[in-house]
Protein backbone atom coordinates (compact mmCIF):
# COMPACT_ATOMS: atom_id res chain seq x y z
CA MET A 1 -11.43 -22.78 5.05
CA LYS A 2 -8.20 -21.16 6.22
CA PRO A 3 -6.88 -18.42 3.92
CA THR A 4 -3.64 -18.86 2.02
CA LEU A 5 -1.52 -16.29 0.25
CA PHE A 6 -2.75 -17.66 -3.08
CA THR A 7 -6.46 -17.55 -2.21
CA ILE A 8 -5.98 -13.92 -1.17
CA LYS A 9 -4.15 -13.21 -4.43
CA ASP A 10 -7.05 -14.72 -6.38
CA GLU A 11 -9.41 -12.16 -4.81
CA LEU A 12 -7.64 -9.42 -6.77
CA THR A 13 -9.09 -10.64 -10.08
CA GLU A 14 -12.46 -9.27 -8.91
CA MET A 15 -11.07 -5.79 -9.66
CA LEU A 16 -11.42 -6.55 -13.36
CA HIS A 17 -15.22 -6.41 -13.03
CA HIS A 18 -14.99 -2.68 -12.30
CA PHE A 19 -13.05 -1.40 -15.30
CA ASP A 20 -12.30 -2.42 -18.87
CA LYS A 21 -8.71 -3.69 -18.90
CA ASP A 22 -8.61 -3.44 -22.70
CA GLN A 23 -9.17 0.31 -22.68
CA ARG A 24 -6.12 2.54 -22.29
CA CYS A 25 -5.38 2.68 -18.56
CA ILE A 26 -3.38 5.38 -16.78
CA TYR A 27 -1.69 4.31 -13.54
CA VAL A 28 -1.33 7.33 -11.26
CA ASP A 29 0.77 8.04 -8.16
CA TYR A 30 3.41 5.32 -8.07
CA PRO A 31 5.44 6.06 -4.90
CA LEU A 32 8.86 7.73 -4.78
CA HIS A 33 10.38 6.94 -1.38
CA THR A 34 12.06 4.24 0.68
CA ASN A 35 8.92 2.87 2.34
CA VAL A 36 9.25 -0.71 1.15
CA GLY A 37 5.58 -1.33 1.96
CA ASP A 38 4.39 1.23 -0.58
CA LEU A 39 6.94 -0.12 -3.07
CA LEU A 40 5.46 -3.60 -2.61
CA ILE A 41 1.98 -2.22 -3.30
CA ASN A 42 3.33 -0.65 -6.48
CA THR A 43 5.21 -3.79 -7.56
CA GLY A 44 2.13 -5.87 -6.82
CA CYS A 45 0.07 -3.56 -9.04
CA GLU A 46 2.51 -4.03 -11.87
CA GLN A 47 2.49 -7.81 -11.37
CA PHE A 48 -1.31 -7.76 -11.47
CA PHE A 49 -1.30 -5.63 -14.64
CA LEU A 50 1.17 -8.03 -16.25
CA GLU A 51 -0.64 -11.25 -15.32
CA GLN A 52 -4.10 -9.91 -16.20
CA LYS A 53 -2.90 -8.15 -19.38
CA VAL A 54 -4.18 -4.74 -18.31
CA ASN A 55 -3.50 -2.16 -21.04
CA ILE A 56 -1.36 0.37 -19.16
CA TRP A 57 -0.92 3.33 -21.49
CA ARG A 58 0.87 5.76 -19.17
CA ARG A 59 2.30 5.96 -15.67
CA TYR A 60 2.61 9.06 -13.50
CA ASN A 61 3.93 9.84 -10.03
CA TYR A 62 2.72 12.66 -7.77
CA TYR A 63 5.35 15.05 -9.16
CA ASP A 64 5.06 14.54 -12.92
CA PHE A 65 1.27 14.34 -13.25
CA PRO A 66 0.52 16.95 -15.94
CA LYS A 67 -2.03 19.75 -15.88
CA ARG A 68 -3.71 17.86 -18.70
CA ILE A 69 -2.81 14.32 -19.82
CA PRO A 70 -1.79 14.60 -23.49
CA GLY A 71 -4.14 12.74 -25.81
CA ILE A 72 -6.56 11.57 -23.11
CA THR A 73 -10.12 10.73 -24.16
CA ASN A 74 -13.24 10.02 -22.11
CA LYS A 75 -12.77 6.28 -22.73
CA ASP A 76 -9.43 6.13 -20.90
CA VAL A 77 -9.38 4.66 -17.37
CA LEU A 78 -7.49 6.22 -14.46
CA LEU A 79 -6.19 3.71 -11.88
CA LEU A 80 -5.16 5.51 -8.68
CA HIS A 81 -2.48 3.88 -6.52
CA GLY A 82 -3.69 2.24 -3.32
CA GLY A 83 -2.33 2.10 0.20
CA GLY A 84 -3.02 3.70 3.55
CA ASN A 85 -3.41 7.38 2.71
CA PHE A 86 -7.14 7.71 1.97
CA GLY A 87 -8.21 10.44 4.39
CA ASP A 88 -6.53 13.43 6.01
CA LEU A 89 -3.58 11.82 7.82
CA TRP A 90 -1.57 12.12 4.58
CA PHE A 91 -3.75 14.89 3.15
CA ASN A 92 -1.69 15.85 0.07
CA PHE A 93 -2.42 12.50 -1.56
CA GLN A 94 -6.16 12.58 -0.82
CA SER A 95 -6.38 16.12 -2.17
CA PHE A 96 -4.45 15.06 -5.27
CA ARG A 97 -6.93 12.27 -6.02
CA GLU A 98 -9.92 14.53 -5.47
CA ARG A 99 -8.45 17.08 -7.92
CA ILE A 100 -8.10 14.32 -10.51
CA MET A 101 -11.78 13.47 -10.09
CA ASP A 102 -12.69 17.14 -10.59
CA GLN A 103 -10.45 17.39 -13.64
CA TYR A 104 -11.70 14.23 -15.39
CA PRO A 105 -15.44 14.04 -14.59
CA ASN A 106 -16.28 11.68 -17.47
CA ASN A 107 -13.47 9.13 -17.21
CA ARG A 108 -13.72 5.87 -15.30
CA ILE A 109 -11.65 6.37 -12.12
CA VAL A 110 -10.72 3.42 -9.90
CA PHE A 111 -9.17 3.77 -6.45
CA LEU A 112 -6.98 0.70 -5.94
CA PRO A 113 -7.27 -0.88 -2.44
CA GLN A 114 -7.12 1.72 0.33
CA THR A 115 -7.35 1.91 4.11
CA VAL A 116 -9.49 4.86 5.24
CA HIS A 117 -8.73 7.17 8.16
CA PHE A 118 -10.18 10.64 8.77
CA SER A 119 -9.47 12.67 11.91
CA SER A 120 -12.98 14.12 12.01
CA GLU A 121 -16.47 13.36 10.73
CA GLU A 122 -16.67 16.82 9.18
CA LYS A 123 -13.60 16.26 7.00
CA ALA A 124 -14.81 12.79 6.05
CA VAL A 125 -18.24 14.05 4.98
CA ALA A 126 -16.71 16.88 2.92
CA ALA A 127 -14.38 14.47 1.09
CA ILE A 128 -17.13 11.97 0.29
CA GLN A 129 -19.52 14.68 -0.92
CA ARG A 130 -16.83 15.97 -3.27
CA MET A 131 -16.09 12.49 -4.60
CA ASN A 132 -19.76 11.69 -5.14
CA ARG A 133 -20.01 14.58 -7.61
CA HIS A 134 -18.08 12.37 -10.04
CA GLY A 135 -20.33 10.15 -12.10
CA ASN A 136 -18.07 7.22 -12.94
CA PHE A 137 -15.78 5.97 -10.15
CA HIS A 138 -15.22 3.00 -7.86
CA VAL A 139 -13.25 2.69 -4.63
CA PHE A 140 -11.73 -0.55 -3.34
CA ALA A 141 -11.60 -0.61 0.47
CA ARG A 142 -8.67 -2.60 1.84
CA ASP A 143 -10.47 -3.78 4.98
CA HIS A 144 -14.03 -4.20 6.20
CA ARG A 145 -13.90 -1.29 8.64
CA SER A 146 -12.92 1.07 5.81
CA LEU A 147 -15.69 -0.44 3.69
CA GLU A 148 -18.34 0.13 6.36
CA GLN A 149 -17.10 3.67 7.03
CA LEU A 150 -17.35 4.64 3.36
CA LYS A 151 -20.78 3.08 3.06
CA ARG A 152 -21.98 4.91 6.18
CA LEU A 153 -20.68 8.19 4.77
CA GLY A 154 -22.68 7.57 1.60
CA LEU A 155 -19.94 6.85 -0.93
CA ARG A 156 -21.78 5.68 -4.02
CA SER A 157 -19.48 2.94 -5.30
CA VAL A 158 -17.24 0.87 -3.03
CA SER A 159 -16.33 -2.80 -2.48
CA PRO A 160 -13.72 -4.79 -0.49
CA MET A 161 -10.36 -5.84 -1.93
CA PRO A 162 -7.07 -7.02 -0.39
CA ASP A 163 -3.81 -5.13 -0.81
CA THR A 164 -2.20 -5.44 -4.25
CA ALA A 165 1.06 -6.62 -2.65
CA HIS A 166 -0.64 -10.03 -2.51
CA ALA A 167 -0.22 -10.23 -6.29
CA LEU A 168 3.42 -11.03 -5.49
CA ALA A 169 2.55 -14.40 -3.94
CA GLY A 170 4.76 -17.00 -5.59
CA THR A 171 7.08 -14.41 -7.18
CA LEU A 172 9.32 -13.49 -4.21
CA ARG A 173 12.06 -15.79 -2.97
CA PRO A 174 14.03 -15.42 0.27
CA ASP A 175 17.77 -14.96 0.03
CA THR A 176 19.44 -18.24 0.99
CA THR A 177 23.08 -17.10 1.11
CA THR A 178 23.04 -16.88 4.92
CA ALA A 179 21.24 -18.98 7.52
CA PRO A 180 18.39 -17.05 9.18
CA SER A 181 18.58 -16.38 12.91
CA GLY A 182 17.03 -14.08 15.49
CA VAL A 183 14.19 -11.56 15.31
CA LEU A 184 13.82 -8.41 13.21
CA ARG A 185 11.85 -5.74 15.07
CA LEU A 186 10.37 -3.55 12.30
CA VAL A 187 8.62 -0.91 14.38
CA ARG A 188 7.04 2.33 13.13
CA GLN A 189 8.75 5.63 13.95
CA ASP A 190 6.32 7.97 12.16
CA VAL A 191 2.88 9.53 12.73
CA GLU A 192 1.33 6.03 12.79
CA SER A 193 3.60 4.74 15.56
CA SER A 194 1.93 2.94 18.45
CA ASP A 195 2.57 1.72 21.98
CA MET A 196 3.74 -1.85 22.07
CA PRO A 197 1.54 -4.25 24.04
CA SER A 198 3.29 -4.73 27.38
CA HIS A 199 3.34 -8.52 27.10
CA LEU A 200 5.35 -8.22 23.85
CA ALA A 201 8.00 -5.89 25.28
CA PRO A 202 10.36 -8.74 26.32
CA ILE A 203 10.79 -9.84 22.68
CA GLN A 204 14.33 -8.86 21.76
CA GLY A 205 15.84 -8.33 18.32
CA ASP A 206 17.40 -5.87 15.89
CA THR A 207 15.17 -2.76 15.79
CA ARG A 208 14.72 -0.95 12.48
CA ASP A 209 12.14 0.86 10.37
CA TRP A 210 11.93 1.40 6.62
CA ASP A 211 13.71 4.74 7.00
CA GLN A 212 15.78 3.88 10.08
CA ASN A 213 18.92 1.73 9.76
CA PHE A 214 17.40 -0.34 6.97
CA PHE A 215 19.51 0.52 3.90
CA GLY A 216 23.25 0.67 3.48
CA ARG A 217 25.15 3.86 2.77
CA GLY A 218 25.55 3.10 -0.94
CA ARG A 219 21.83 2.54 -1.42
CA ARG A 220 20.98 5.72 0.47
CA ILE A 221 23.34 7.74 -1.72
CA ALA A 222 21.85 6.19 -4.85
CA HIS A 223 18.35 6.94 -3.55
CA TYR A 224 19.19 10.60 -2.98
CA GLY A 225 20.37 10.94 -6.58
CA VAL A 226 17.61 8.95 -8.27
CA VAL A 227 14.65 10.33 -6.30
CA ASN A 228 15.74 13.95 -6.68
CA PHE A 229 16.33 13.48 -10.40
CA VAL A 230 12.89 11.93 -10.94
CA LYS A 231 11.14 14.54 -8.78
CA GLY A 232 13.06 17.36 -10.45
CA ILE A 233 12.15 16.19 -13.94
CA GLY A 234 8.56 15.89 -12.84
CA ARG A 235 8.37 19.38 -11.36
CA TYR A 236 10.57 21.41 -13.68
CA GLY A 237 11.78 19.33 -16.60
CA PRO A 238 10.42 18.20 -19.95
CA PRO A 239 7.60 15.60 -20.05
CA ILE A 240 9.87 12.55 -19.77
CA ASP A 241 8.60 9.21 -18.46
CA CYS A 242 11.07 8.40 -15.69
CA HIS A 243 9.33 5.31 -14.37
CA PRO A 244 11.90 2.84 -15.88
CA LEU A 245 14.71 4.55 -13.93
CA TRP A 246 12.69 4.68 -10.74
CA TYR A 247 11.50 1.06 -11.09
CA TRP A 248 15.11 -0.08 -11.44
CA HIS A 249 15.93 1.67 -8.18
CA ARG A 250 12.66 0.47 -6.55
CA ASP A 251 13.55 -3.15 -7.35
CA ASN A 252 16.93 -2.70 -5.65
CA LEU A 253 15.25 -1.26 -2.54
CA ILE A 254 12.81 -4.18 -2.41
CA GLN A 255 15.63 -6.69 -2.87
CA ASP A 256 17.45 -5.09 0.06
CA GLY A 257 14.24 -5.59 2.06
CA ILE A 258 14.01 -9.22 1.00
CA ASN A 259 17.65 -9.82 1.92
CA THR A 260 17.18 -8.24 5.33
CA PHE A 261 14.01 -10.19 6.13
CA SER A 262 15.62 -13.40 4.90
CA SER A 263 18.40 -13.14 7.47
CA TYR A 264 15.95 -13.50 10.38
CA ASP A 265 13.83 -16.40 11.59
CA ALA A 266 10.98 -14.11 12.61
CA VAL A 267 9.68 -10.57 12.12
CA PHE A 268 8.10 -8.53 14.92
CA THR A 269 6.22 -5.55 13.51
CA ASN A 270 3.41 -3.00 13.58
CA ARG A 271 3.82 -2.26 9.86
CA LEU A 272 1.20 -3.78 7.59
CA HIS A 273 3.68 -4.60 4.84
CA GLY A 274 6.25 -5.81 7.31
CA MET A 275 3.63 -8.41 8.14
CA ILE A 276 2.76 -9.12 4.49
CA LEU A 277 6.37 -9.28 3.23
CA ALA A 278 7.35 -11.63 6.04
CA LEU A 279 4.47 -13.94 5.14
CA LEU A 280 5.41 -13.82 1.44
CA LEU A 281 8.95 -14.86 2.42
CA ASP A 282 7.72 -17.62 4.75
CA ARG A 283 9.04 -15.98 7.92
CA GLN A 284 7.25 -16.33 11.25
CA VAL A 285 5.43 -13.09 12.09
CA ILE A 286 4.52 -11.53 15.43
CA ALA A 287 2.40 -8.44 14.73
CA PHE A 288 0.54 -5.74 16.62
CA ASP A 289 -1.40 -2.63 15.65
CA ASN A 290 -0.42 0.82 14.46
CA ASN A 291 -2.07 3.78 16.22
CA TYR A 292 -5.42 3.67 14.42
CA GLY A 293 -6.06 -0.03 13.96
CA LYS A 294 -4.89 -0.54 10.38
CA LEU A 295 -3.26 -3.91 11.02
CA SER A 296 -6.02 -5.42 13.14
CA THR A 297 -8.76 -4.49 10.66
CA TYR A 298 -6.68 -5.92 7.82
CA TYR A 299 -6.02 -9.06 9.83
CA ASP A 300 -9.72 -9.50 10.56
CA SER A 301 -10.59 -8.92 6.89
CA TRP A 302 -8.07 -11.19 5.15
CA LEU A 303 -5.44 -12.87 7.35
CA SER A 304 -7.26 -14.39 10.31
CA GLY A 305 -6.15 -18.01 10.57
CA ILE A 306 -3.32 -17.79 8.04
CA ASP A 307 -0.31 -19.96 8.88
CA GLY A 308 2.79 -18.29 10.27
CA LEU A 309 1.10 -15.20 11.75
CA ASP A 310 0.70 -14.55 15.47
CA PHE A 311 -1.36 -11.35 15.73
CA HIS A 312 -1.72 -9.61 19.09
CA LYS A 313 -4.73 -7.39 19.68
CA PRO A 314 -4.93 -5.11 22.74
CA ARG A 315 -6.02 -7.01 25.82
CA VAL A 316 -9.44 -6.02 27.13
CA ASN A 317 -9.71 -5.16 30.82
CA ASN A 318 -13.01 -6.83 31.70
CA ALA A 319 -13.02 -5.38 35.21
CA ALA A 320 -12.80 -1.85 33.83
CA ILE A 321 -15.69 -2.56 31.45
CA ALA A 322 -17.82 -3.92 34.26
């Protein structure tokens, strides 16, 4: 049976078998930046929590996570934000999660769906050995390659799960104020950038990235003020929960993304959430890989055969193999 966005969304309910949603849950590491993909993961988490009636007691970002969570007991559950930073490519976040495991050895800790990438076997082994010292955790791998890698490394508790952005299926609506036309080229400009397959190079369109020519001047000014206020309070201020302010700003950033995607007939991208958002908005998608295979492994795990997606894997030179 071909997958649909709603069958993929239904897979997320399997997460409830790995923690008690009625216990007090602490959601850790909601993102503070303009990467709309990470914001969609975050918003999808919150949609999942809402629909499944998960008892979220507190929310923390990377900057306001306290030395000790006030009032925490061993029964409380820590839910760690998912995404693509499990490993050493974005090491600060992996180190942060490992410190949480060291600090709360008796609490149930759940890693929400993650893609795994380590630059060396030595670093991977060290990270998994440290994690396995915790007695009560579970990791959701966002694709089957990540799952097999973690199993091979000996991680004690891991299972597959799609990205939480899929919880937004049926909740997002394209902007209909202008007729869509042309192609949006959402192409990575960061450490995960990749060479475009040569046969895709002729595809023309407006080229952008989440942090490149994507938001208007007013939104960028607002972002500078809001993000620095929230980070500053987290680092130096009193223990104030700033997530309502940030979520207000986050929703505006996502709406800008929806409006931009809605103005095009098709999206050409090597960003995982460029691909997912375009599908959620019923745009045609032409996608290719980032530099370590994140999109292709996700495609193989969850999206193969889904309507509206034309995924291009690198062409194999059979003569060279022979």
